[in-house]
Amino acid sequence: MKTNKRFIKGVIAAAAKEETVMPWARGARRAAFIAKRNAQTAERKSA
């Protein structure tokens, strides 16, 4: 089977520059979610 090196290099390059953010990733988004969750928990306990 003939290998298409240019295609494979293109696929690898595209995969390397992809920056999909996963929900469990560390960072500001996760910190905001945890703060929101803690605020809701505190609100329920005080009510």
Protein backbone atom coordinates (compact mmCIF):
# COMPACT_ATOMS: atom_id res chain seq x y z
CA MET A 1 0.00 0.00 0.00
CA LYS A 2 1.39 3.38 -0.96
CA THR A 3 1.94 5.76 1.94
CA ASN A 4 0.93 9.38 1.45
CA LYS A 5 3.57 11.09 3.58
CA ARG A 6 2.26 14.61 2.97
CA PHE A 7 -1.23 13.61 4.15
CA ILE A 8 0.13 11.96 7.29
CA LYS A 9 2.33 14.96 8.10
CA GLY A 10 -0.69 17.23 7.66
CA VAL A 11 -2.82 15.14 10.00
CA ILE A 12 -0.09 15.08 12.64
CA ALA A 13 0.41 18.85 12.36
CA ALA A 14 -3.34 19.48 12.68
CA ALA A 15 -3.56 17.22 15.75
CA ALA A 16 -0.59 18.96 17.37
CA LYS A 17 -2.11 22.44 17.06
CA GLU A 18 -5.59 21.41 18.22
CA GLU A 19 -6.40 22.91 21.61
CA THR A 20 -9.59 21.26 22.77
CA VAL A 21 -10.31 22.16 26.37
CA MET A 22 -11.48 19.25 28.48
CA PRO A 23 -13.87 19.87 31.39
CA TRP A 24 -11.41 18.40 33.89
CA ALA A 25 -8.52 20.57 32.71
CA ARG A 26 -6.85 22.85 35.25
CA GLY A 27 -7.20 26.59 34.92
CA ALA A 28 -9.50 29.56 35.29
CA ARG A 29 -12.55 27.77 33.89
CA ARG A 30 -12.25 24.97 36.44
CA ALA A 31 -11.65 27.42 39.30
CA ALA A 32 -14.77 29.37 38.32
CA PHE A 33 -16.84 26.18 38.26
CA ILE A 34 -15.59 25.12 41.70
CA ALA A 35 -16.28 28.58 43.15
CA LYS A 36 -19.81 28.52 41.72
CA ARG A 37 -20.41 25.04 43.14
CA ASN A 38 -19.10 26.04 46.58
CA ALA A 39 -21.29 29.18 46.58
CA GLN A 40 -24.38 27.12 45.79
CA THR A 41 -23.53 24.64 48.55
CA ALA A 42 -23.02 27.44 51.09
CA GLU A 43 -26.30 29.05 50.02
CA ARG A 44 -28.20 25.80 50.57
CA LYS A 45 -26.66 25.30 54.01
CA SER A 46 -27.51 28.84 55.15
CA ALA A 47 -31.12 28.63 53.97
